[in-house]
Amino acid sequence: MTVIELPDEQAAALKAFFISRDDLIAAKLAAGRPQDLADVDAIRKAAESQCPQPAKEKPAQPKPGGPSQ
Protein backbone atom coordinates (compact mmCIF):
# COMPACT_ATOMS: atom_id res chain seq x y z
CA MET A 1 0.00 0.00 0.00
CA THR A 2 1.29 3.44 -0.87
CA VAL A 3 0.56 6.40 1.34
CA ILE A 4 0.83 9.88 -0.14
CA GLU A 5 0.86 12.80 2.26
CA LEU A 6 -0.31 16.18 1.00
CA PRO A 7 0.04 19.60 2.54
CA ASP A 8 -3.16 20.68 4.32
CA GLU A 9 -4.15 23.17 1.60
CA GLN A 10 -4.01 20.44 -1.05
CA ALA A 11 -5.73 17.84 1.11
CA ALA A 12 -8.62 20.22 1.79
CA ALA A 13 -9.29 20.46 -1.95
CA LEU A 14 -9.51 16.70 -2.50
CA LYS A 15 -12.83 15.07 -3.20
CA ALA A 16 -13.33 11.34 -2.99
CA PHE A 17 -16.42 9.40 -3.94
CA PHE A 18 -17.26 6.02 -2.46
CA ILE A 19 -19.92 3.51 -3.34
CA SER A 20 -22.29 2.64 -0.50
CA ARG A 21 -22.11 -0.78 1.11
CA ASP A 22 -25.54 -1.71 -0.30
CA ASP A 23 -24.55 -0.60 -3.81
CA LEU A 24 -21.27 -2.51 -3.56
CA ILE A 25 -23.14 -5.66 -2.55
CA ALA A 26 -25.63 -5.18 -5.39
CA ALA A 27 -22.80 -4.73 -7.92
CA LYS A 28 -20.98 -7.82 -6.68
CA LEU A 29 -24.17 -9.92 -6.75
CA ALA A 30 -24.87 -8.70 -10.29
CA ALA A 31 -21.36 -9.70 -11.38
CA GLY A 32 -21.92 -13.14 -9.86
CA ARG A 33 -18.27 -14.22 -10.01
CA PRO A 34 -17.16 -16.60 -7.26
CA GLN A 35 -14.82 -14.04 -5.67
CA ASP A 36 -17.53 -11.37 -5.74
CA LEU A 37 -19.96 -13.73 -4.00
CA ALA A 38 -17.31 -14.49 -1.38
CA ASP A 39 -16.76 -10.74 -0.97
CA VAL A 40 -20.50 -10.23 -0.38
CA ASP A 41 -20.42 -12.81 2.40
CA ALA A 42 -17.38 -11.13 3.98
CA ILE A 43 -18.94 -7.66 3.70
CA ARG A 44 -22.16 -8.84 5.36
CA LYS A 45 -20.27 -10.58 8.18
CA ALA A 46 -18.17 -7.45 8.77
CA ALA A 47 -21.32 -5.30 8.87
CA GLU A 48 -22.95 -7.66 11.39
CA SER A 49 -19.90 -7.55 13.65
CA GLN A 50 -20.03 -3.74 13.70
CA CYS A 51 -23.72 -3.52 14.66
CA PRO A 52 -24.21 -2.71 18.32
CA GLN A 53 -25.53 -5.72 20.15
CA PRO A 54 -28.60 -5.20 22.34
CA ALA A 55 -27.71 -5.11 26.02
CA LYS A 56 -28.51 -8.32 27.82
CA GLU A 57 -30.92 -7.90 30.68
CA LYS A 58 -29.35 -8.51 34.07
CA PRO A 59 -31.20 -10.83 36.42
CA ALA A 60 -33.21 -8.95 39.04
CA GLN A 61 -31.27 -8.41 42.24
CA PRO A 62 -33.10 -8.59 45.56
CA LYS A 63 -33.56 -5.16 47.10
CA PRO A 64 -31.83 -4.52 50.42
CA GLY A 65 -34.23 -4.86 53.32
CA GLY A 66 -36.58 -7.05 51.32
CA PRO A 67 -37.99 -10.37 52.44
CA SER A 68 -35.32 -12.73 53.72
CA GLN A 69 -35.22 -16.39 52.90
PDB file of N, CA and C in Angstrom:
ATOM      1  N   MET A   1       0.850  -1.166   0.000  1.00  0.00           N
ATOM      2  CA  MET A   1       0.000   0.000   0.000  1.00  0.00           C
ATOM      3  C   MET A   1       0.897   1.231   0.000  1.00  0.00           C
ATOM      4  N   THR A   2       0.543   2.196  -0.792  1.00  0.00           N
ATOM      5  CA  THR A   2       1.288   3.437  -0.868  1.00  0.00           C
ATOM      6  C   THR A   2       0.502   4.535  -0.176  1.00  0.00           C
ATOM      7  N   VAL A   3       1.180   5.284   0.650  1.00  0.00           N
ATOM      8  CA  VAL A   3       0.556   6.403   1.338  1.00  0.00           C
ATOM      9  C   VAL A   3       1.182   7.680   0.811  1.00  0.00           C
ATOM     10  N   ILE A   4       0.352   8.594   0.364  1.00  0.00           N
ATOM     11  CA  ILE A   4       0.834   9.876  -0.137  1.00  0.00           C
ATOM     12  C   ILE A   4       0.329  10.952   0.803  1.00  0.00           C
ATOM     13  N   GLU A   5       1.239  11.719   1.363  1.00  0.00           N
ATOM     14  CA  GLU A   5       0.855  12.798   2.256  1.00  0.00           C
ATOM     15  C   GLU A   5       0.862  14.105   1.486  1.00  0.00           C
ATOM     16  N   LEU A   6      -0.178  14.892   1.673  1.00  0.00           N
ATOM     17  CA  LEU A   6      -0.307  16.175   1.000  1.00  0.00           C
ATOM     18  C   LEU A   6      -0.330  17.293   2.029  1.00  0.00           C
ATOM     19  N   PRO A   7       0.180  18.452   1.634  1.00  0.00           N
ATOM     20  CA  PRO A   7       0.039  19.602   2.540  1.00  0.00           C
ATOM     21  C   PRO A   7      -1.443  19.877   2.783  1.00  0.00           C
ATOM     22  N   ASP A   8      -1.762  20.451   3.928  1.00  0.00           N
ATOM     23  CA  ASP A   8      -3.157  20.685   4.315  1.00  0.00           C
ATOM     24  C   ASP A   8      -3.964  21.417   3.249  1.00  0.00           C
ATOM     25  N   GLU A   9      -3.377  22.415   2.589  1.00  0.00           N
ATOM     26  CA  GLU A   9      -4.147  23.175   1.600  1.00  0.00           C
ATOM     27  C   GLU A   9      -4.513  22.313   0.395  1.00  0.00           C
ATOM     28  N   GLN A  10      -3.673  21.342   0.057  1.00  0.00           N
ATOM     29  CA  GLN A  10      -4.015  20.437  -1.048  1.00  0.00           C
ATOM     30  C   GLN A  10      -5.012  19.384  -0.592  1.00  0.00           C
ATOM     31  N   ALA A  11      -4.835  18.874   0.596  1.00  0.00           N
ATOM     32  CA  ALA A  11      -5.733  17.842   1.110  1.00  0.00           C
ATOM     33  C   ALA A  11      -7.153  18.382   1.255  1.00  0.00           C
ATOM     34  N   ALA A  12      -7.303  19.635   1.612  1.00  0.00           N
ATOM     35  CA  ALA A  12      -8.621  20.221   1.791  1.00  0.00           C
ATOM     36  C   ALA A  12      -9.374  20.307   0.469  1.00  0.00           C
ATOM     37  N   ALA A  13      -8.657  20.329  -0.638  1.00  0.00           N
ATOM     38  CA  ALA A  13      -9.286  20.458  -1.953  1.00  0.00           C
ATOM     39  C   ALA A  13      -9.639  19.106  -2.571  1.00  0.00           C
ATOM     40  N   LEU A  14      -9.244  18.028  -1.947  1.00  0.00           N
ATOM     41  CA  LEU A  14      -9.514  16.700  -2.503  1.00  0.00           C
ATOM     42  C   LEU A  14     -10.974  16.316  -2.318  1.00  0.00           C
ATOM     43  N   LYS A  15     -11.501  15.651  -3.306  1.00  0.00           N
ATOM     44  CA  LYS A  15     -12.827  15.068  -3.196  1.00  0.00           C
ATOM     45  C   LYS A  15     -12.687  13.588  -3.512  1.00  0.00           C
ATOM     46  N   ALA A  16     -13.350  12.773  -2.744  1.00  0.00           N
ATOM     47  CA  ALA A  16     -13.328  11.338  -2.985  1.00  0.00           C
ATOM     48  C   ALA A  16     -14.766  10.833  -2.955  1.00  0.00           C
ATOM     49  N   PHE A  17     -15.082   9.962  -3.859  1.00  0.00           N
ATOM     50  CA  PHE A  17     -16.418   9.399  -3.941  1.00  0.00           C
ATOM     51  C   PHE A  17     -16.324   7.911  -3.648  1.00  0.00           C
ATOM     52  N   PHE A  18     -17.251   7.424  -2.852  1.00  0.00           N
ATOM     53  CA  PHE A  18     -17.261   6.023  -2.460  1.00  0.00           C
ATOM     54  C   PHE A  18     -18.640   5.447  -2.726  1.00  0.00           C
ATOM     55  N   ILE A  19     -18.669   4.224  -3.133  1.00  0.00           N
ATOM     56  CA  ILE A  19     -19.920   3.513  -3.339  1.00  0.00           C
ATOM     57  C   ILE A  19     -20.432   3.066  -1.967  1.00  0.00           C
ATOM     58  N   SER A  20     -21.731   3.076  -1.785  1.00  0.00           N
ATOM     59  CA  SER A  20     -22.290   2.641  -0.500  1.00  0.00           C
ATOM     60  C   SER A  20     -22.140   1.125  -0.363  1.00  0.00           C
ATOM     61  N   ARG A  21     -22.231   0.655   0.867  1.00  0.00           N
ATOM     62  CA  ARG A  21     -22.113  -0.785   1.107  1.00  0.00           C
ATOM     63  C   ARG A  21     -23.201  -1.542   0.351  1.00  0.00           C
ATOM     64  N   ASP A  22     -24.440  -1.029   0.388  1.00  0.00           N
ATOM     65  CA  ASP A  22     -25.539  -1.709  -0.297  1.00  0.00           C
ATOM     66  C   ASP A  22     -25.318  -1.741  -1.813  1.00  0.00           C
ATOM     67  N   ASP A  23     -24.821  -0.632  -2.367  1.00  0.00           N
ATOM     68  CA  ASP A  23     -24.550  -0.601  -3.807  1.00  0.00           C
ATOM     69  C   ASP A  23     -23.390  -1.527  -4.178  1.00  0.00           C
ATOM     70  N   LEU A  24     -22.394  -1.597  -3.315  1.00  0.00           N
ATOM     71  CA  LEU A  24     -21.267  -2.506  -3.561  1.00  0.00           C
ATOM     72  C   LEU A  24     -21.748  -3.954  -3.569  1.00  0.00           C
ATOM     73  N   ILE A  25     -22.592  -4.302  -2.603  1.00  0.00           N
ATOM     74  CA  ILE A  25     -23.136  -5.660  -2.549  1.00  0.00           C
ATOM     75  C   ILE A  25     -23.962  -5.945  -3.801  1.00  0.00           C
ATOM     76  N   ALA A  26     -24.802  -4.987  -4.195  1.00  0.00           N
ATOM     77  CA  ALA A  26     -25.634  -5.179  -5.393  1.00  0.00           C
ATOM     78  C   ALA A  26     -24.761  -5.380  -6.634  1.00  0.00           C
ATOM     79  N   ALA A  27     -23.687  -4.606  -6.759  1.00  0.00           N
ATOM     80  CA  ALA A  27     -22.800  -4.731  -7.920  1.00  0.00           C
ATOM     81  C   ALA A  27     -22.099  -6.087  -7.926  1.00  0.00           C
ATOM     82  N   LYS A  28     -21.674  -6.535  -6.765  1.00  0.00           N
ATOM     83  CA  LYS A  28     -20.984  -7.825  -6.680  1.00  0.00           C
ATOM     84  C   LYS A  28     -21.940  -8.984  -6.960  1.00  0.00           C
ATOM     85  N   LEU A  29     -23.176  -8.880  -6.462  1.00  0.00           N
ATOM     86  CA  LEU A  29     -24.165  -9.915  -6.753  1.00  0.00           C
ATOM     87  C   LEU A  29     -24.491  -9.944  -8.251  1.00  0.00           C
ATOM     88  N   ALA A  30     -24.579  -8.763  -8.860  1.00  0.00           N
ATOM     89  CA  ALA A  30     -24.872  -8.696 -10.294  1.00  0.00           C
ATOM     90  C   ALA A  30     -23.744  -9.314 -11.113  1.00  0.00           C
ATOM     91  N   ALA A  31     -22.502  -9.123 -10.668  1.00  0.00           N
ATOM     92  CA  ALA A  31     -21.362  -9.703 -11.381  1.00  0.00           C
ATOM     93  C   ALA A  31     -21.405 -11.228 -11.264  1.00  0.00           C
ATOM     94  N   GLY A  32     -21.728 -11.712 -10.062  1.00  0.00           N
ATOM     95  CA  GLY A  32     -21.920 -13.140  -9.864  1.00  0.00           C
ATOM     96  C   GLY A  32     -20.676 -14.011  -9.911  1.00  0.00           C
ATOM     97  N   ARG A  33     -19.500 -13.417  -9.985  1.00  0.00           N
ATOM     98  CA  ARG A  33     -18.265 -14.219 -10.006  1.00  0.00           C
ATOM     99  C   ARG A  33     -18.035 -14.810  -8.623  1.00  0.00           C
ATOM    100  N   PRO A  34     -17.381 -15.961  -8.561  1.00  0.00           N
ATOM    101  CA  PRO A  34     -17.163 -16.602  -7.256  1.00  0.00           C
ATOM    102  C   PRO A  34     -16.496 -15.681  -6.225  1.00  0.00           C
ATOM    103  N   GLN A  35     -15.483 -14.924  -6.629  1.00  0.00           N
ATOM    104  CA  GLN A  35     -14.816 -14.037  -5.672  1.00  0.00           C
ATOM    105  C   GLN A  35     -15.747 -12.918  -5.216  1.00  0.00           C
ATOM    106  N   ASP A  36     -16.574 -12.406  -6.118  1.00  0.00           N
ATOM    107  CA  ASP A  36     -17.528 -11.365  -5.739  1.00  0.00           C
ATOM    108  C   ASP A  36     -18.543 -11.903  -4.741  1.00  0.00           C
ATOM    109  N   LEU A  37     -19.002 -13.128  -4.938  1.00  0.00           N
ATOM    110  CA  LEU A  37     -19.960 -13.729  -4.005  1.00  0.00           C
ATOM    111  C   LEU A  37     -19.305 -13.952  -2.644  1.00  0.00           C
ATOM    112  N   ALA A  38     -18.036 -14.347  -2.637  1.00  0.00           N
ATOM    113  CA  ALA A  38     -17.308 -14.493  -1.381  1.00  0.00           C
ATOM    114  C   ALA A  38     -17.137 -13.131  -0.705  1.00  0.00           C
ATOM    115  N   ASP A  39     -16.894 -12.097  -1.509  1.00  0.00           N
ATOM    116  CA  ASP A  39     -16.760 -10.741  -0.968  1.00  0.00           C
ATOM    117  C   ASP A  39     -18.062 -10.291  -0.318  1.00  0.00           C
ATOM    118  N   VAL A  40     -19.186 -10.604  -0.936  1.00  0.00           N
ATOM    119  CA  VAL A  40     -20.500 -10.227  -0.381  1.00  0.00           C
ATOM    120  C   VAL A  40     -20.668 -10.860   0.997  1.00  0.00           C
ATOM    121  N   ASP A  41     -20.314 -12.131   1.116  1.00  0.00           N
ATOM    122  CA  ASP A  41     -20.415 -12.814   2.402  1.00  0.00           C
ATOM    123  C   ASP A  41     -19.531 -12.126   3.437  1.00  0.00           C
ATOM    124  N   ALA A  42     -18.311 -11.782   3.052  1.00  0.00           N
ATOM    125  CA  ALA A  42     -17.382 -11.126   3.980  1.00  0.00           C
ATOM    126  C   ALA A  42     -17.880  -9.734   4.367  1.00  0.00           C
ATOM    127  N   ILE A  43     -18.426  -8.999   3.418  1.00  0.00           N
ATOM    128  CA  ILE A  43     -18.942  -7.658   3.700  1.00  0.00           C
ATOM    129  C   ILE A  43     -20.109  -7.745   4.682  1.00  0.00           C
ATOM    130  N   ARG A  44     -20.996  -8.690   4.461  1.00  0.00           N
ATOM    131  CA  ARG A  44     -22.156  -8.839   5.356  1.00  0.00           C
ATOM    132  C   ARG A  44     -21.720  -9.249   6.758  1.00  0.00           C
ATOM    133  N   LYS A  45     -20.756 -10.169   6.862  1.00  0.00           N
ATOM    134  CA  LYS A  45     -20.269 -10.579   8.184  1.00  0.00           C
ATOM    135  C   LYS A  45     -19.605  -9.414   8.897  1.00  0.00           C
ATOM    136  N   ALA A  46     -18.820  -8.611   8.164  1.00  0.00           N
ATOM    137  CA  ALA A  46     -18.174  -7.449   8.772  1.00  0.00           C
ATOM    138  C   ALA A  46     -19.206  -6.445   9.259  1.00  0.00           C
ATOM    139  N   ALA A  47     -20.266  -6.243   8.483  1.00  0.00           N
ATOM    140  CA  ALA A  47     -21.321  -5.303   8.874  1.00  0.00           C
ATOM    141  C   ALA A  47     -22.028  -5.797  10.134  1.00  0.00           C
ATOM    142  N   GLU A  48     -22.288  -7.100  10.213  1.00  0.00           N
ATOM    143  CA  GLU A  48     -22.949  -7.663  11.393  1.00  0.00           C
ATOM    144  C   GLU A  48     -22.087  -7.497  12.637  1.00  0.00           C
ATOM    145  N   SER A  49     -20.785  -7.651  12.488  1.00  0.00           N
ATOM    146  CA  SER A  49     -19.898  -7.553  13.647  1.00  0.00           C
ATOM    147  C   SER A  49     -19.767  -6.114  14.140  1.00  0.00           C
ATOM    148  N   GLN A  50     -20.118  -5.136  13.304  1.00  0.00           N
ATOM    149  CA  GLN A  50     -20.031  -3.737  13.700  1.00  0.00           C
ATOM    150  C   GLN A  50     -21.334  -3.205  14.268  1.00  0.00           C
ATOM    151  N   CYS A  51     -22.425  -3.955  14.122  1.00  0.00           N
ATOM    152  CA  CYS A  51     -23.715  -3.516  14.659  1.00  0.00           C
ATOM    153  C   CYS A  51     -23.681  -3.626  16.171  1.00  0.00           C
ATOM    154  N   PRO A  52     -24.165  -2.598  16.856  1.00  0.00           N
ATOM    155  CA  PRO A  52     -24.211  -2.706  18.316  1.00  0.00           C
ATOM    156  C   PRO A  52     -25.162  -3.823  18.734  1.00  0.00           C
ATOM    157  N   GLN A  53     -24.719  -4.626  19.646  1.00  0.00           N
ATOM    158  CA  GLN A  53     -25.533  -5.722  20.151  1.00  0.00           C
ATOM    159  C   GLN A  53     -26.452  -5.193  21.241  1.00  0.00           C
ATOM    160  N   PRO A  54     -27.705  -5.650  21.273  1.00  0.00           N
ATOM    161  CA  PRO A  54     -28.595  -5.196  22.342  1.00  0.00           C
ATOM    162  C   PRO A  54     -28.050  -5.647  23.699  1.00  0.00           C
ATOM    163  N   ALA A  55     -28.194  -4.785  24.680  1.00  0.00           N
ATOM    164  CA  ALA A  55     -27.712  -5.109  26.022  1.00  0.00           C
ATOM    165  C   ALA A  55     -28.530  -6.254  26.586  1.00  0.00           C
ATOM    166  N   LYS A  56     -27.823  -7.192  27.186  1.00  0.00           N
ATOM    167  CA  LYS A  56     -28.510  -8.316  27.818  1.00  0.00           C
ATOM    168  C   LYS A  56     -29.074  -7.847  29.139  1.00  0.00           C
ATOM    169  N   GLU A  57     -30.301  -8.288  29.422  1.00  0.00           N
ATOM    170  CA  GLU A  57     -30.921  -7.900  30.682  1.00  0.00           C
ATOM    171  C   GLU A  57     -30.246  -8.645  31.821  1.00  0.00           C
ATOM    172  N   LYS A  58     -29.966  -7.898  32.890  1.00  0.00           N
ATOM    173  CA  LYS A  58     -29.354  -8.507  34.066  1.00  0.00           C
ATOM    174  C   LYS A  58     -30.469  -9.120  34.906  1.00  0.00           C
ATOM    175  N   PRO A  59     -30.178 -10.253  35.552  1.00  0.00           N
ATOM    176  CA  PRO A  59     -31.200 -10.833  36.425  1.00  0.00           C
ATOM    177  C   PRO A  59     -31.523  -9.861  37.555  1.00  0.00           C
ATOM    178  N   ALA A  60     -32.777  -9.851  37.969  1.00  0.00           N
ATOM    179  CA  ALA A  60     -33.215  -8.946  39.041  1.00  0.00           C
ATOM    180  C   ALA A  60     -32.475  -9.272  40.326  1.00  0.00           C
ATOM    181  N   GLN A  61     -31.967  -8.245  40.970  1.00  0.00           N
ATOM    182  CA  GLN A  61     -31.271  -8.408  42.243  1.00  0.00           C
ATOM    183  C   GLN A  61     -32.253  -8.111  43.373  1.00  0.00           C
ATOM    184  N   PRO A  62     -32.213  -8.899  44.437  1.00  0.00           N
ATOM    185  CA  PRO A  62     -33.101  -8.594  45.561  1.00  0.00           C
ATOM    186  C   PRO A  62     -32.749  -7.234  46.153  1.00  0.00           C
ATOM    187  N   LYS A  63     -33.778  -6.483  46.526  1.00  0.00           N
ATOM    188  CA  LYS A  63     -33.560  -5.159  47.103  1.00  0.00           C
ATOM    189  C   LYS A  63     -33.148  -5.317  48.558  1.00  0.00           C
ATOM    190  N   PRO A  64     -32.222  -4.454  49.011  1.00  0.00           N
ATOM    191  CA  PRO A  64     -31.831  -4.525  50.424  1.00  0.00           C
ATOM    192  C   PRO A  64     -33.037  -4.261  51.323  1.00  0.00           C
ATOM    193  N   GLY A  65     -33.123  -5.022  52.390  1.00  0.00           N
ATOM    194  CA  GLY A  65     -34.228  -4.856  53.316  1.00  0.00           C
ATOM    195  C   GLY A  65     -35.486  -5.566  52.888  1.00  0.00           C
ATOM    196  N   GLY A  66     -35.405  -6.313  51.808  1.00  0.00           N
ATOM    197  CA  GLY A  66     -36.576  -7.046  51.317  1.00  0.00           C
ATOM    198  C   GLY A  66     -36.776  -8.310  52.115  1.00  0.00           C
ATOM    199  N   PRO A  67     -37.733  -9.128  51.701  1.00  0.00           N
ATOM    200  CA  PRO A  67     -37.992 -10.368  52.441  1.00  0.00           C
ATOM    201  C   PRO A  67     -36.762 -11.268  52.460  1.00  0.00           C
ATOM    202  N   SER A  68     -36.459 -11.830  53.609  1.00  0.00           N
ATOM    203  CA  SER A  68     -35.317 -12.728  53.716  1.00  0.00           C
ATOM    204  C   SER A  68     -35.786 -14.159  53.563  1.00  0.00           C
ATOM    205  N   GLN A  69     -34.862 -14.988  53.164  1.00  0.00           N
ATOM    206  CA  GLN A  69     -35.224 -16.391  52.896  1.00  0.00           C
ATOM    207  C   GLN A  69     -34.696 -17.287  53.959  1.00  0.00           C
TER     208      GLN A  69
END
